Amino acid sequence: MVKIVGIQFKETKRVYYFNSLHYNFKVGDKVIVDTVRGLEIGTVLIPTTLKKKEDIEFELKDVVRKATDKDLANEIENIEKAKVAFEFFKEKAIEFNLDMKPLYAEYTIDKSKVIFYYVAEDRVDFRDLLKVLAPQFKTRVELRQIGSREAARIIGGIGTCGRELCCKTHLTNFNFVTMKMAKEQGMSLNTAKISGCCGKLMCCIAYENEMYKELKKELPGVGTFVETSTCPRCKIVSVDYIKKLFKTQEGIDTMPVTHTLEEIKVLDKEDKIENETVETVELDENLEITSVVEEETPKPAKKNKYEKRMSKQKNRKN
């Protein structure tokens, strides 16, 4: 059995798991852990629990120790130093005319490294910038490029719904969102209307995707022929799957009529055949029907040049 603990860091809502070793942590404890960025301070979100080794899919890093009062004081000091460092970084990025958007800076808990985060569409050559930053801070300097979604999570903002961005408030992982999901929900396929502040498709599109899939199996879709109280046979042109409302086209030059699920009856194949006009011909049982295929008379083959010349010579002799 292995003791594991779930830890959350300040700039992300995601929970990372570590081996708590002989420590027993409770929710809210501050701990020091060794990450790919260096020593960081995190907050325990999931207390120490036991788990079987075979159930752990990846290798866990160890928790270094529980954070002391000195570590907490260093964290406050690092936050203030990071603000000053970020202003210098932003000023120099503009001076070197680099195509990047600086986001923020942070120090590791032991001040052995300062990390600057930025967002950019392409790779940025910041070698000249590093030559200025390293002597200024007299420590190891690292520049990290992050994606537009991660940038939106850090900066925050208000979505088209009028609420704070989901990635800033509660999302722990970014959902996989596709245009197919928006199409299934009857949303506008204009990317400008269904994109978030990050420029990517809105994460909330994936929230109700599974529900729409289930409703589409139960309810008739666009193009289905139905019977209503005002029309014996009409086609559905629009569906509101949440309210279960259906708009039907009941005339060529008329506006679509809205019906509830109880007011429509889906026409099956037999109903469709009955409504169609079909001409039938009754035949005498004793009448034998045969099909006659007229044979085409074969066309004479065309003569080649030699045959034509010999034919002319023969005609002259005669």
Protein backbone atom coordinates (compact mmCIF):
# COMPACT_ATOMS: atom_id res chain seq x y z
CA MET A 1 0.00 0.00 0.00
CA VAL A 2 1.14 3.55 -0.79
CA LYS A 3 0.17 6.77 0.96
CA ILE A 4 -0.88 9.41 -1.56
CA VAL A 5 -2.02 13.00 -1.14
CA GLY A 6 -3.72 15.42 -3.58
CA ILE A 7 -2.10 18.85 -3.79
CA GLN A 8 -3.25 21.99 -5.56
CA PHE A 9 -1.00 24.89 -6.60
CA LYS A 10 -1.91 28.57 -6.69
CA GLU A 11 -2.09 29.10 -10.47
CA THR A 12 -4.16 26.03 -11.31
CA LYS A 13 -7.34 24.30 -10.17
CA ARG A 14 -5.94 20.91 -11.07
CA VAL A 15 -5.01 18.42 -8.35
CA TYR A 16 -1.63 16.67 -8.53
CA TYR A 17 -0.88 13.49 -6.59
CA PHE A 18 2.30 12.87 -4.57
CA ASN A 19 3.65 10.16 -2.30
CA SER A 20 3.16 11.45 1.26
CA LEU A 21 5.69 8.92 2.65
CA HIS A 22 5.34 8.73 6.46
CA TYR A 23 3.39 12.01 6.69
CA ASN A 24 -0.34 12.21 7.29
CA PHE A 25 -1.77 15.41 5.82
CA LYS A 26 -5.24 16.86 6.17
CA VAL A 27 -7.15 19.28 3.92
CA GLY A 28 -5.69 22.79 4.01
CA ASP A 29 -2.14 21.83 5.06
CA LYS A 30 0.71 23.65 3.32
CA VAL A 31 3.44 21.34 1.99
CA ILE A 32 6.73 21.62 0.11
CA VAL A 33 7.01 19.38 -2.96
CA ASP A 34 9.61 18.89 -5.68
CA THR A 35 8.10 19.52 -9.12
CA VAL A 36 9.50 19.92 -12.64
CA ARG A 37 9.73 23.65 -11.93
CA GLY A 38 11.63 23.16 -8.66
CA LEU A 39 10.60 23.34 -5.00
CA GLU A 40 7.08 24.71 -4.68
CA ILE A 41 4.58 25.25 -1.93
CA GLY A 42 1.14 23.72 -2.37
CA THR A 43 -2.12 23.22 -0.50
CA VAL A 44 -3.50 19.79 0.38
CA LEU A 45 -6.93 19.33 -1.23
CA ILE A 46 -7.24 15.55 -0.82
CA PRO A 47 -5.96 14.18 2.53
CA THR A 48 -3.57 11.27 2.84
CA THR A 49 -5.19 8.03 1.65
CA LEU A 50 -3.96 4.49 1.10
CA LYS A 51 -3.85 3.05 -2.37
CA LYS A 52 -2.58 -0.19 -3.87
CA LYS A 53 0.60 -0.01 -5.91
CA GLU A 54 -1.03 -1.75 -8.90
CA ASP A 55 -3.76 0.92 -8.98
CA ILE A 56 -1.23 3.72 -9.47
CA GLU A 57 -0.76 4.33 -13.20
CA PHE A 58 2.30 6.61 -13.03
CA GLU A 59 5.30 7.23 -10.82
CA LEU A 60 4.65 9.59 -7.90
CA LYS A 61 7.10 12.16 -6.62
CA ASP A 62 7.62 12.45 -2.88
CA VAL A 63 6.47 15.24 -0.60
CA VAL A 64 9.59 16.95 0.79
CA ARG A 65 8.10 18.16 4.07
CA LYS A 66 5.32 20.11 5.68
CA ALA A 67 5.71 23.86 5.13
CA THR A 68 7.16 25.78 8.08
CA ASP A 69 6.49 29.37 9.17
CA LYS A 70 9.73 30.36 7.41
CA ASP A 71 8.49 28.78 4.16
CA LEU A 72 5.22 30.71 4.39
CA ALA A 73 7.13 33.96 5.00
CA ASN A 74 9.37 33.21 2.00
CA GLU A 75 6.28 32.63 -0.13
CA ILE A 76 4.90 36.08 0.69
CA GLU A 77 8.30 37.64 -0.03
CA ASN A 78 8.58 35.74 -3.32
CA ILE A 79 5.20 37.03 -4.48
CA GLU A 80 6.35 40.63 -4.02
CA LYS A 81 9.69 39.99 -5.71
CA ALA A 82 7.93 38.27 -8.62
CA LYS A 83 5.82 41.39 -9.26
CA VAL A 84 8.95 43.54 -9.60
CA ALA A 85 10.67 40.91 -11.77
CA PHE A 86 7.65 40.70 -14.05
CA GLU A 87 7.61 44.46 -14.68
CA PHE A 88 11.28 44.32 -15.71
CA PHE A 89 10.62 41.31 -17.95
CA LYS A 90 7.68 43.02 -19.63
CA GLU A 91 9.69 46.20 -20.22
CA LYS A 92 12.58 44.31 -21.83
CA ALA A 93 10.26 42.19 -24.00
CA ILE A 94 8.86 45.42 -25.49
CA GLU A 95 12.37 46.87 -25.85
CA PHE A 96 13.58 43.85 -27.84
CA ASN A 97 10.35 43.95 -29.90
CA LEU A 98 9.55 40.31 -29.20
CA ASP A 99 6.25 38.90 -30.47
CA MET A 100 5.04 37.64 -27.09
CA LYS A 101 2.53 38.56 -24.40
CA PRO A 102 4.07 38.40 -20.89
CA LEU A 103 1.67 36.93 -18.30
CA TYR A 104 3.32 36.64 -14.90
CA ALA A 105 6.45 35.59 -13.01
CA GLU A 106 7.12 33.39 -10.01
CA TYR A 107 10.03 32.33 -7.80
CA THR A 108 10.60 28.84 -6.45
CA ILE A 109 10.35 28.63 -2.66
CA ASP A 110 14.15 28.48 -2.24
CA LYS A 111 14.69 31.40 -4.71
CA SER A 112 16.93 29.17 -6.85
CA LYS A 113 14.92 29.94 -9.98
CA VAL A 114 12.66 32.64 -11.39
CA ILE A 115 10.20 31.59 -14.10
CA PHE A 116 8.58 33.98 -16.57
CA TYR A 117 5.42 32.88 -18.37
CA TYR A 118 4.26 34.23 -21.71
CA VAL A 119 1.91 33.38 -24.57
CA ALA A 120 2.80 33.60 -28.26
CA GLU A 121 1.47 32.21 -31.53
CA ASP A 122 4.88 30.98 -32.73
CA ARG A 123 8.26 30.17 -31.25
CA VAL A 124 10.13 33.20 -29.94
CA ASP A 125 13.89 33.71 -30.09
CA PHE A 126 14.57 35.19 -26.65
CA ARG A 127 18.31 34.49 -26.38
CA ASP A 128 19.18 38.18 -26.29
CA LEU A 129 16.53 38.73 -23.64
CA LEU A 130 18.01 36.01 -21.44
CA LYS A 131 21.41 37.74 -21.58
CA VAL A 132 19.79 40.75 -19.90
CA LEU A 133 17.57 38.88 -17.41
CA ALA A 134 20.21 36.53 -15.95
CA PRO A 135 22.61 39.30 -14.68
CA GLN A 136 19.67 41.34 -13.38
CA PHE A 137 18.25 38.67 -11.05
CA LYS A 138 21.49 36.75 -10.38
CA THR A 139 19.72 33.41 -10.33
CA ARG A 140 18.59 30.80 -12.80
CA VAL A 141 16.09 32.27 -15.28
CA GLU A 142 13.53 30.24 -17.23
CA LEU A 143 11.01 31.40 -19.85
CA ARG A 144 7.94 29.22 -20.42
CA GLN A 145 5.47 29.51 -23.27
CA ILE A 146 1.92 28.39 -22.42
CA GLY A 147 -1.22 27.95 -24.50
CA SER A 148 -4.05 30.42 -24.92
CA ARG A 149 -6.40 28.37 -22.73
CA GLU A 150 -3.94 28.30 -19.86
CA ALA A 151 -3.40 32.05 -20.33
CA ALA A 152 -7.14 32.70 -20.05
CA ARG A 153 -7.21 30.68 -16.83
CA ILE A 154 -4.44 32.83 -15.34
CA ILE A 155 -5.74 36.22 -16.50
CA GLY A 156 -9.45 35.47 -15.99
CA GLY A 157 -12.36 37.37 -17.49
CA ILE A 158 -16.10 37.38 -18.18
CA GLY A 159 -17.62 34.96 -20.68
CA THR A 160 -20.48 35.57 -23.12
CA CYS A 161 -22.84 34.19 -20.46
CA GLY A 162 -22.00 37.12 -18.18
CA ARG A 163 -20.22 34.96 -15.61
CA GLU A 164 -16.56 34.54 -14.70
CA LEU A 165 -14.67 32.08 -16.91
CA CYS A 166 -15.16 28.41 -15.99
CA CYS A 167 -11.42 27.72 -16.26
CA LYS A 168 -10.78 30.41 -13.65
CA THR A 169 -13.45 29.30 -11.18
CA HIS A 170 -13.91 25.51 -11.15
CA LEU A 171 -12.50 23.60 -14.16
CA THR A 172 -9.66 21.28 -13.19
CA ASN A 173 -8.99 19.95 -16.69
CA PHE A 174 -9.72 21.38 -20.12
CA ASN A 175 -12.52 19.53 -21.87
CA PHE A 176 -12.16 18.16 -25.40
CA VAL A 177 -14.46 20.33 -27.54
CA THR A 178 -15.24 19.90 -31.26
CA MET A 179 -17.40 21.62 -33.88
CA LYS A 180 -19.43 18.40 -34.11
CA MET A 181 -20.64 18.96 -30.54
CA ALA A 182 -21.84 22.47 -31.43
CA LYS A 183 -23.59 21.14 -34.55
CA GLU A 184 -25.40 18.41 -32.59
CA GLN A 185 -26.72 21.04 -30.17
CA GLY A 186 -28.01 23.23 -33.00
CA MET A 187 -25.59 26.05 -32.21
CA SER A 188 -24.27 28.57 -34.70
CA LEU A 189 -21.23 27.22 -36.53
CA ASN A 190 -19.71 30.71 -36.66
CA THR A 191 -16.49 30.30 -34.65
CA ALA A 192 -16.62 33.93 -33.52
CA LYS A 193 -19.92 33.24 -31.71
CA ILE A 194 -18.96 29.97 -30.03
CA SER A 195 -15.38 30.80 -29.05
CA GLY A 196 -14.29 31.93 -25.59
CA CYS A 197 -11.86 34.62 -24.47
CA CYS A 198 -8.96 32.29 -25.32
CA GLY A 199 -10.01 32.10 -28.97
CA LYS A 200 -10.79 28.36 -28.68
CA LEU A 201 -14.22 26.72 -28.66
CA MET A 202 -16.03 27.37 -25.36
CA CYS A 203 -15.53 24.63 -22.76
CA CYS A 204 -19.22 24.74 -21.81
CA ILE A 205 -20.15 23.24 -25.20
CA ALA A 206 -19.05 19.88 -23.84
CA TYR A 207 -21.16 20.14 -20.67
CA GLU A 208 -24.46 19.05 -22.27
CA ASN A 209 -23.09 17.03 -25.16
CA GLU A 210 -23.94 13.62 -23.67
CA MET A 211 -27.46 14.77 -22.79
CA TYR A 212 -28.07 15.93 -26.37
CA LYS A 213 -26.89 12.55 -27.66
CA GLU A 214 -29.43 10.76 -25.46
CA LEU A 215 -32.26 13.16 -26.39
CA LYS A 216 -31.56 12.71 -30.10
CA LYS A 217 -32.08 8.98 -29.71
CA GLU A 218 -35.51 9.53 -28.11
CA LEU A 219 -36.88 12.54 -30.01
CA PRO A 220 -37.53 13.01 -33.76
CA GLY A 221 -34.97 15.15 -35.54
CA VAL A 222 -35.01 17.72 -38.32
CA GLY A 223 -36.38 16.29 -41.58
CA THR A 224 -38.74 13.80 -39.90
CA PHE A 225 -42.35 13.75 -41.18
CA VAL A 226 -44.98 14.05 -38.48
CA GLU A 227 -48.73 14.44 -38.09
CA THR A 228 -50.13 17.39 -36.12
CA SER A 229 -53.58 18.70 -35.24
CA THR A 230 -53.36 21.22 -38.08
CA CYS A 231 -51.52 19.16 -40.69
CA PRO A 232 -51.80 15.44 -41.60
CA ARG A 233 -48.26 15.30 -42.92
CA CYS A 234 -45.53 17.93 -42.45
CA LYS A 235 -41.80 18.07 -41.94
CA ILE A 236 -39.90 19.14 -38.83
CA VAL A 237 -37.60 22.06 -39.65
CA SER A 238 -36.33 22.95 -36.17
CA VAL A 239 -36.00 21.22 -32.78
CA ASP A 240 -35.43 22.59 -29.26
CA TYR A 241 -34.23 19.47 -27.46
CA ILE A 242 -34.20 21.07 -24.00
CA LYS A 243 -37.79 22.40 -24.10
CA LYS A 244 -38.91 19.57 -26.42
CA LEU A 245 -40.48 21.97 -28.92
CA PHE A 246 -40.73 21.24 -32.65
CA LYS A 247 -41.26 23.63 -35.54
CA THR A 248 -43.01 22.17 -38.58
CA GLN A 249 -43.43 23.52 -42.11
CA GLU A 250 -47.12 23.11 -42.88
CA GLY A 251 -47.24 25.10 -46.09
CA ILE A 252 -45.02 26.44 -48.85
CA ASP A 253 -45.43 30.14 -48.04
CA THR A 254 -46.39 29.84 -44.37
CA MET A 255 -44.32 30.41 -41.23
CA PRO A 256 -43.23 27.32 -39.23
CA VAL A 257 -45.68 26.24 -36.52
CA THR A 258 -44.43 25.31 -33.03
CA HIS A 259 -45.70 22.11 -31.40
CA THR A 260 -44.93 20.26 -28.18
CA LEU A 261 -43.92 16.60 -28.09
CA GLU A 262 -47.48 15.58 -27.13
CA GLU A 263 -48.97 17.40 -30.15
CA ILE A 264 -47.02 15.51 -32.83
CA LYS A 265 -47.13 11.95 -34.11
CA VAL A 266 -44.19 10.54 -36.01
CA LEU A 267 -45.26 8.95 -39.28
CA ASP A 268 -43.85 5.49 -39.89
CA LYS A 269 -43.27 3.88 -43.27
CA GLU A 270 -46.83 2.52 -43.55
CA ASP A 271 -48.33 5.96 -42.89
CA LYS A 272 -46.14 7.49 -45.55
CA ILE A 273 -47.22 4.93 -48.15
CA GLU A 274 -50.91 5.43 -47.37
CA ASN A 275 -50.62 9.17 -47.91
CA GLU A 276 -48.92 8.78 -51.28
CA THR A 277 -50.99 8.43 -54.49
CA VAL A 278 -50.19 5.08 -56.09
CA GLU A 279 -51.67 3.92 -59.42
CA THR A 280 -52.50 0.18 -59.63
CA VAL A 281 -53.38 -1.96 -62.66
CA GLU A 282 -55.34 -5.21 -62.33
CA LEU A 283 -54.24 -8.00 -64.67
CA ASP A 284 -56.10 -11.11 -65.80
CA GLU A 285 -54.63 -14.20 -64.13
CA ASN A 286 -54.77 -16.15 -67.44
CA LEU A 287 -53.01 -13.40 -69.35
CA GLU A 288 -49.48 -14.34 -70.23
CA ILE A 289 -47.08 -11.44 -70.45
CA THR A 290 -44.03 -11.79 -72.60
CA SER A 291 -41.39 -9.29 -73.37
CA VAL A 292 -40.17 -8.96 -76.93
CA VAL A 293 -36.78 -7.54 -77.70
CA GLU A 294 -36.36 -6.34 -81.23
CA GLU A 295 -33.09 -7.35 -82.70
CA GLU A 296 -31.22 -4.55 -84.34
CA THR A 297 -30.05 -5.18 -87.88
CA PRO A 298 -26.30 -5.15 -87.87
CA LYS A 299 -24.75 -2.22 -89.62
CA PRO A 300 -22.30 -3.03 -92.41
CA ALA A 301 -18.70 -2.78 -91.35
CA LYS A 302 -16.76 0.15 -92.68
CA LYS A 303 -14.27 -0.64 -95.46
CA ASN A 304 -10.66 0.24 -94.98
CA LYS A 305 -8.61 2.21 -97.56
CA TYR A 306 -7.27 -0.92 -99.34
CA GLU A 307 -10.74 -2.40 -99.78
CA LYS A 308 -12.07 0.90 -101.13
CA ARG A 309 -9.26 1.13 -103.71
CA MET A 310 -9.74 -2.48 -104.92
CA SER A 311 -13.51 -1.87 -105.18
CA LYS A 312 -12.94 1.19 -107.43
CA GLN A 313 -10.57 -0.75 -109.72
CA LYS A 314 -13.13 -3.55 -110.05
CA ASN A 315 -15.87 -1.09 -110.99
CA ARG A 316 -13.66 0.48 -113.71
CA LYS A 317 -13.00 -2.88 -115.35
CA ASN A 318 -16.70 -3.58 -115.48
